C-alpha atoms as a PDB file:
ATOM      1  CA  MET A   1      55.281 134.392  74.614  1.00  0.00           C
ATOM      2  CA  THR A   2      57.194 132.242  77.096  1.00  0.00           C
ATOM      3  CA  ASP A   3      60.933 132.160  77.457  1.00  0.00           C
ATOM      4  CA  SER A   4      62.766 129.080  76.155  1.00  0.00           C
ATOM      5  CA  PRO A   5      64.303 126.922  78.887  1.00  0.00           C
ATOM      6  CA  ALA A   6      68.005 127.508  79.518  1.00  0.00           C
ATOM      7  CA  ARG A   7      70.189 125.118  77.564  1.00  0.00           C
ATOM      8  CA  LYS A   8      72.352 122.892  79.765  1.00  0.00           C
ATOM      9  CA  ALA A   9      76.051 122.405  79.238  1.00  0.00           C
ATOM     10  CA  PRO A  10      76.908 119.397  76.991  1.00  0.00           C
ATOM     11  CA  ASN A  11      78.252 117.433  79.982  1.00  0.00           C
ATOM     12  CA  ALA A  12      75.451 118.562  82.305  1.00  0.00           C
ATOM     13  CA  TYR A  13      74.538 116.471  85.315  1.00  0.00           C
ATOM     14  CA  HIS A  14      71.264 114.600  84.747  1.00  0.00           C
ATOM     15  CA  HIS A  15      70.932 111.930  87.436  1.00  0.00           C
ATOM     16  CA  GLY A  16      71.301 111.082  91.117  1.00  0.00           C
ATOM     17  CA  GLY A  17      74.604 110.846  92.928  1.00  0.00           C
ATOM     18  CA  LEU A  18      75.718 114.454  92.797  1.00  0.00           C
ATOM     19  CA  ARG A  19      78.416 113.896  95.420  1.00  0.00           C
ATOM     20  CA  GLU A  20      80.098 111.281  93.242  1.00  0.00           C
ATOM     21  CA  ALA A  21      79.745 113.464  90.148  1.00  0.00           C
ATOM     22  CA  LEU A  22      81.369 116.400  91.955  1.00  0.00           C
ATOM     23  CA  ILE A  23      84.318 114.246  93.073  1.00  0.00           C
ATOM     24  CA  GLU A  24      84.819 112.909  89.545  1.00  0.00           C
ATOM     25  CA  ALA A  25      84.599 116.379  88.000  1.00  0.00           C
ATOM     26  CA  ALA A  26      86.929 117.872  90.616  1.00  0.00           C
ATOM     27  CA  MET A  27      89.429 115.048  90.122  1.00  0.00           C
ATOM     28  CA  GLY A  28      89.500 115.745  86.396  1.00  0.00           C
ATOM     29  CA  ALA A  29      89.928 119.474  86.996  1.00  0.00           C
ATOM     30  CA  VAL A  30      92.831 118.867  89.397  1.00  0.00           C
ATOM     31  CA  GLU A  31      94.508 116.492  86.922  1.00  0.00           C
ATOM     32  CA  ARG A  32      94.275 119.061  84.138  1.00  0.00           C
ATOM     33  CA  SER A  33      95.020 122.318  85.911  1.00  0.00           C
ATOM     34  CA  GLY A  34      95.736 121.776  89.604  1.00  0.00           C
ATOM     35  CA  PRO A  35      93.575 122.198  92.734  1.00  0.00           C
ATOM     36  CA  GLN A  36      92.824 125.856  92.018  1.00  0.00           C
ATOM     37  CA  ALA A  37      90.686 124.726  89.058  1.00  0.00           C
ATOM     38  CA  ALA A  38      88.275 122.801  91.303  1.00  0.00           C
ATOM     39  CA  SER A  39      86.028 125.691  92.314  1.00  0.00           C
ATOM     40  CA  PHE A  40      82.424 125.082  93.330  1.00  0.00           C
ATOM     41  CA  SER A  41      81.155 127.581  90.765  1.00  0.00           C
ATOM     42  CA  ALA A  42      83.052 125.996  87.862  1.00  0.00           C
ATOM     43  CA  LEU A  43      82.065 122.477  88.888  1.00  0.00           C
ATOM     44  CA  ALA A  44      78.402 123.409  89.344  1.00  0.00           C
ATOM     45  CA  LYS A  45      78.364 125.012  85.903  1.00  0.00           C
ATOM     46  CA  SER A  46      80.009 121.990  84.271  1.00  0.00           C
ATOM     47  CA  LEU A  47      77.455 119.657  85.864  1.00  0.00           C
ATOM     48  CA  GLY A  48      74.482 121.872  85.122  1.00  0.00           C
ATOM     49  CA  VAL A  49      73.403 122.355  88.743  1.00  0.00           C
ATOM     50  CA  SER A  50      72.865 125.418  90.896  1.00  0.00           C
ATOM     51  CA  GLN A  51      75.740 127.208  92.600  1.00  0.00           C
ATOM     52  CA  ALA A  52      74.324 126.095  95.937  1.00  0.00           C
ATOM     53  CA  ALA A  53      74.072 122.389  95.042  1.00  0.00           C
ATOM     54  CA  PRO A  54      77.688 121.393  95.952  1.00  0.00           C
ATOM     55  CA  TYR A  55      77.125 122.702  99.503  1.00  0.00           C
ATOM     56  CA  ARG A  56      74.556 119.958 100.067  1.00  0.00           C
ATOM     57  CA  HIS A  57      77.397 117.439  99.955  1.00  0.00           C
ATOM     58  CA  PHE A  58      80.547 119.328 100.989  1.00  0.00           C
ATOM     59  CA  ALA A  59      81.009 121.943 103.688  1.00  0.00           C
ATOM     60  CA  ASP A  60      83.471 123.879 101.553  1.00  0.00           C
ATOM     61  CA  ARG A  61      86.057 123.503  98.783  1.00  0.00           C
ATOM     62  CA  GLU A  62      88.627 121.960 101.146  1.00  0.00           C
ATOM     63  CA  ASP A  63      86.107 119.293 102.111  1.00  0.00           C
ATOM     64  CA  LEU A  64      85.645 118.443  98.425  1.00  0.00           C
ATOM     65  CA  LEU A  65      89.403 118.382  97.784  1.00  0.00           C
ATOM     66  CA  ALA A  66      89.863 116.042 100.752  1.00  0.00           C
ATOM     67  CA  ALA A  67      87.400 113.656  99.090  1.00  0.00           C
ATOM     68  CA  VAL A  68      89.342 113.960  95.824  1.00  0.00           C
ATOM     69  CA  ALA A  69      92.616 113.240  97.656  1.00  0.00           C
ATOM     70  CA  ALA A  70      91.030 110.194  99.300  1.00  0.00           C
ATOM     71  CA  ARG A  71      89.936 108.953  95.871  1.00  0.00           C
ATOM     72  CA  ALA A  72      93.474 109.552  94.563  1.00  0.00           C
ATOM     73  CA  PHE A  73      94.956 107.516  97.425  1.00  0.00           C
ATOM     74  CA  ARG A  74      92.596 104.648  96.615  1.00  0.00           C
ATOM     75  CA  THR A  75      93.657 104.829  92.954  1.00  0.00           C
ATOM     76  CA  PHE A  76      97.273 104.895  94.148  1.00  0.00           C
ATOM     77  CA  SER A  77      96.697 101.773  96.253  1.00  0.00           C
ATOM     78  CA  ALA A  78      94.966 100.025  93.355  1.00  0.00           C
ATOM     79  CA  ALA A  79      98.028 100.696  91.181  1.00  0.00           C
ATOM     80  CA  PHE A  80     100.218  99.202  93.919  1.00  0.00           C
ATOM     81  CA  ARG A  81      98.018  96.127  94.186  1.00  0.00           C
ATOM     82  CA  GLU A  82      97.903  95.625  90.432  1.00  0.00           C
ATOM     83  CA  MET A  83     101.688  95.873  90.210  1.00  0.00           C
ATOM     84  CA  ILE A  84     102.193  93.546  93.178  1.00  0.00           C
ATOM     85  CA  ASP A  85      99.881  90.922  91.675  1.00  0.00           C
ATOM     86  CA  HIS A  86     100.677  91.251  87.973  1.00  0.00           C
ATOM     87  CA  GLY A  87     103.840  93.357  87.652  1.00  0.00           C
ATOM     88  CA  PRO A  88     107.213  92.416  86.127  1.00  0.00           C
ATOM     89  CA  GLU A  89     109.568  89.911  87.708  1.00  0.00           C
ATOM     90  CA  LYS A  90     110.854  92.128  90.480  1.00  0.00           C
ATOM     91  CA  SER A  91     110.610  91.758  94.219  1.00  0.00           C
ATOM     92  CA  LYS A  92     107.375  92.948  95.815  1.00  0.00           C
ATOM     93  CA  LEU A  93     109.153  96.052  97.118  1.00  0.00           C
ATOM     94  CA  GLY A  94     110.595  96.694  93.657  1.00  0.00           C
ATOM     95  CA  ARG A  95     107.181  96.459  92.009  1.00  0.00           C
ATOM     96  CA  ILE A  96     105.711  98.852  94.562  1.00  0.00           C
ATOM     97  CA  ALA A  97     108.579 101.296  94.002  1.00  0.00           C
ATOM     98  CA  HIS A  98     108.005 101.452  90.251  1.00  0.00           C
ATOM     99  CA  ALA A  99     104.241 101.765  90.682  1.00  0.00           C
ATOM    100  CA  TYR A 100     104.882 104.656  93.098  1.00  0.00           C
ATOM    101  CA  LEU A 101     107.218 106.375  90.642  1.00  0.00           C
ATOM    102  CA  ASP A 102     104.874 105.908  87.687  1.00  0.00           C
ATOM    103  CA  PHE A 103     101.882 107.290  89.575  1.00  0.00           C
ATOM    104  CA  GLY A 104     103.811 110.287  90.924  1.00  0.00           C
ATOM    105  CA  LEU A 105     105.200 111.276  87.521  1.00  0.00           C
ATOM    106  CA  ARG A 106     102.019 110.585  85.513  1.00  0.00           C
ATOM    107  CA  HIS A 107      99.580 112.234  87.912  1.00  0.00           C
ATOM    108  CA  VAL A 108     101.629 115.186  89.111  1.00  0.00           C
ATOM    109  CA  GLU A 109      98.794 117.452  90.232  1.00  0.00           C
ATOM    110  CA  LEU A 110      96.932 114.675  92.043  1.00  0.00           C
ATOM    111  CA  TYR A 111     100.156 113.598  93.747  1.00  0.00           C
ATOM    112  CA  ARG A 112     100.744 117.162  94.920  1.00  0.00           C
ATOM    113  CA  LEU A 113      97.185 117.339  96.225  1.00  0.00           C
ATOM    114  CA  MET A 114      97.789 114.130  98.181  1.00  0.00           C
ATOM    115  CA  TYR A 115     101.128 115.104  99.686  1.00  0.00           C
ATOM    116  CA  ALA A 116     101.849 118.805  99.225  1.00  0.00           C
ATOM    117  CA  SER A 117      98.525 120.462 100.051  1.00  0.00           C
ATOM    118  CA  ARG A 118      98.397 119.854 103.849  1.00  0.00           C
ATOM    119  CA  LEU A 119      95.019 118.150 103.416  1.00  0.00           C
ATOM    120  CA  LEU A 120      96.438 114.922 104.809  1.00  0.00           C
ATOM    121  CA  GLN A 121      98.059 116.764 107.701  1.00  0.00           C
ATOM    122  CA  ARG A 122      94.655 118.175 108.694  1.00  0.00           C
ATOM    123  CA  ALA A 123      92.700 114.951 108.144  1.00  0.00           C
ATOM    124  CA  PRO A 124      91.239 113.611 111.425  1.00  0.00           C
ATOM    125  CA  VAL A 125      92.118 110.067 112.440  1.00  0.00           C
ATOM    126  CA  GLY A 126      89.457 107.759 111.024  1.00  0.00           C
ATOM    127  CA  SER A 127      88.378 110.172 108.285  1.00  0.00           C
ATOM    128  CA  GLU A 128      88.000 108.976 104.692  1.00  0.00           C
ATOM    129  CA  LEU A 129      91.257 110.648 103.662  1.00  0.00           C
ATOM    130  CA  TYR A 130      93.234 109.403 106.682  1.00  0.00           C
ATOM    131  CA  THR A 131      92.009 105.846 106.136  1.00  0.00           C
ATOM    132  CA  ALA A 132      92.774 105.850 102.401  1.00  0.00           C
ATOM    133  CA  ALA A 133      96.303 107.176 102.959  1.00  0.00           C
ATOM    134  CA  ASP A 134      96.934 104.659 105.731  1.00  0.00           C
ATOM    135  CA  ALA A 135      95.840 101.798 103.473  1.00  0.00           C
ATOM    136  CA  SER A 136      98.389 102.743 100.823  1.00  0.00           C
ATOM    137  CA  PHE A 137     101.160 102.748 103.446  1.00  0.00           C
ATOM    138  CA  ASP A 138     100.009  99.315 104.621  1.00  0.00           C
ATOM    139  CA  LEU A 139     100.763  97.913 101.162  1.00  0.00           C
ATOM    140  CA  VAL A 140     104.395  98.972 101.584  1.00  0.00           C
ATOM    141  CA  LEU A 141     104.396  97.437 105.047  1.00  0.00           C
ATOM    142  CA  GLU A 142     103.228  94.147 103.508  1.00  0.00           C
ATOM    143  CA  ALA A 143     106.422  94.028 101.444  1.00  0.00           C
ATOM    144  CA  VAL A 144     108.687  94.103 104.525  1.00  0.00           C
ATOM    145  CA  ASP A 145     109.770  90.748 105.990  1.00  0.00           C
ATOM    146  CA  PRO A 146     106.917  89.650 108.303  1.00  0.00           C
ATOM    147  CA  SER A 147     109.361  87.789 110.557  1.00  0.00           C
ATOM    148  CA  LEU A 148     110.591  91.123 111.924  1.00  0.00           C
ATOM    149  CA  ASP A 149     108.869  92.740 114.878  1.00  0.00           C
ATOM    150  CA  ASP A 150     106.166  95.277 114.076  1.00  0.00           C
ATOM    151  CA  LEU A 151     108.135  98.401 115.030  1.00  0.00           C
ATOM    152  CA  THR A 152     111.158  97.359 112.932  1.00  0.00           C
ATOM    153  CA  ARG A 153     108.917  96.639 109.944  1.00  0.00           C
ATOM    154  CA  ARG A 154     107.243 100.028 110.292  1.00  0.00           C
ATOM    155  CA  ARG A 155     110.611 101.783 110.470  1.00  0.00           C
ATOM    156  CA  PHE A 156     111.777 100.125 107.246  1.00  0.00           C
ATOM    157  CA  ALA A 157     108.485 100.891 105.496  1.00  0.00           C
ATOM    158  CA  LEU A 158     108.555 104.523 106.638  1.00  0.00           C
ATOM    159  CA  LYS A 159     112.164 105.093 105.558  1.00  0.00           C
ATOM    160  CA  PHE A 160     111.437 103.531 102.180  1.00  0.00           C
ATOM    161  CA  TRP A 161     108.216 105.565 101.773  1.00  0.00           C
ATOM    162  CA  THR A 162     109.851 108.878 102.631  1.00  0.00           C
ATOM    163  CA  SER A 163     112.784 108.144 100.304  1.00  0.00           C
ATOM    164  CA  MET A 164     110.406 107.363  97.452  1.00  0.00           C
ATOM    165  CA  HIS A 165     108.475 110.561  98.130  1.00  0.00           C
ATOM    166  CA  GLY A 166     111.649 112.653  98.022  1.00  0.00           C
ATOM    167  CA  ILE A 167     112.777 111.093  94.745  1.00  0.00           C
ATOM    168  CA  VAL A 168     109.387 111.596  93.088  1.00  0.00           C
ATOM    169  CA  MET A 169     109.050 115.216  94.224  1.00  0.00           C
ATOM    170  CA  LEU A 170     112.564 116.135  93.091  1.00  0.00           C
ATOM    171  CA  ALA A 171     112.199 114.293  89.789  1.00  0.00           C
ATOM    172  CA  GLU A 172     108.845 115.797  88.811  1.00  0.00           C
ATOM    173  CA  GLN A 173     110.078 119.310  89.578  1.00  0.00           C
ATOM    174  CA  GLY A 174     113.362 118.776  87.704  1.00  0.00           C
ATOM    175  CA  LEU A 175     115.369 119.428  90.869  1.00  0.00           C
ATOM    176  CA  LEU A 176     117.711 116.453  90.877  1.00  0.00           C
ATOM    177  CA  PRO A 177     121.287 117.821  90.997  1.00  0.00           C
ATOM    178  CA  PRO A 178     122.885 118.241  87.539  1.00  0.00           C
ATOM    179  CA  LYS A 179     125.907 116.131  88.552  1.00  0.00           C
ATOM    180  CA  ILE A 180     123.739 113.006  88.838  1.00  0.00           C
ATOM    181  CA  ARG A 181     121.503 113.477  85.813  1.00  0.00           C
ATOM    182  CA  LYS A 182     123.354 110.755  83.928  1.00  0.00           C
ATOM    183  CA  ILE A 183     121.838 108.361  86.450  1.00  0.00           C
ATOM    184  CA  SER A 184     118.218 107.655  85.574  1.00  0.00           C
ATOM    185  CA  VAL A 185     115.484 108.017  88.161  1.00  0.00           C
ATOM    186  CA  ARG A 186     114.645 104.339  87.683  1.00  0.00           C
ATOM    187  CA  GLU A 187     118.237 103.391  88.487  1.00  0.00           C
ATOM    188  CA  ILE A 188     118.008 105.424  91.689  1.00  0.00           C
ATOM    189  CA  ILE A 189     114.765 103.642  92.556  1.00  0.00           C
ATOM    190  CA  ASP A 190     116.307 100.226  91.908  1.00  0.00           C
ATOM    191  CA  GLU A 191     119.276 101.087  94.115  1.00  0.00           C
ATOM    192  CA  LEU A 192     116.951 102.247  96.895  1.00  0.00           C
ATOM    193  CA  VAL A 193     115.056  98.955  96.671  1.00  0.00           C
ATOM    194  CA  ARG A 194     118.272  96.925  96.736  1.00  0.00           C
ATOM    195  CA  ASP A 195     119.699  98.837  99.705  1.00  0.00           C
ATOM    196  CA  THR A 196     116.418  98.543 101.616  1.00  0.00           C
ATOM    197  CA  GLU A 197     116.177  94.808 100.959  1.00  0.00           C
ATOM    198  CA  LEU A 198     119.790  94.284 102.053  1.00  0.00           C
ATOM    199  CA  ALA A 199     119.081  96.172 105.289  1.00  0.00           C
ATOM    200  CA  ILE A 200     115.895  94.164 105.886  1.00  0.00           C
ATOM    201  CA  GLY A 201     117.789  90.927 105.238  1.00  0.00           C
ATOM    202  CA  ALA A 202     120.527  91.933 107.691  1.00  0.00           C
ATOM    203  CA  ALA A 203     117.947  92.784 110.342  1.00  0.00           C
ATOM    204  CA  ALA A 204     116.262  89.418 109.839  1.00  0.00           C
ATOM    205  CA  SER A 205     119.598  87.592 110.097  1.00  0.00           C
ATOM    206  CA  ASN A 206     120.424  89.341 113.361  1.00  0.00           C
ATOM    207  CA  ARG A 207     117.243  87.946 114.866  1.00  0.00           C
ATOM    208  CA  GLU A 208     118.292  84.358 114.204  1.00  0.00           C
END
């Protein structure tokens, strides 16, 4: 009598493109439970492949998480682009700011993977992750007055980006000081946008 074949998991992997399937599964695991949930063994089991199969596509777990972070940055950029093109009647910088806030607060674990895991810090120049992160910054740069010189534009974009990051991180962790909690996070964002645009306008005027 022969043994019955092992039954695969309900969401088992059945087709080509294992690398893509691993990224998608890992992204879902990170969203639900954080990066620690994206283990090779758990992902292989969920996809119905051998424990060794993920190593055909990723050197190690950090390599996989870097691919997930790159995918998250591309999703981030797509949200920016959608808001820029079809968002409410705000300035371009204002639409980007609200897209940034919404992504950071709705996708907390992915946002932490992108910015609080040191993956980006270790990403080599030209790598998939480095390139995806750089592209999202370029969308902010697009919103800064193109009449300014390149270095001035980059300074404004960087100051705005780092301010947004600080607000999102403090807000999602509930660390905004109690004395300012009557001020909504969206009000803070709108004030940041207004102050940045005033500073950009002043810099442009000084060039005339």
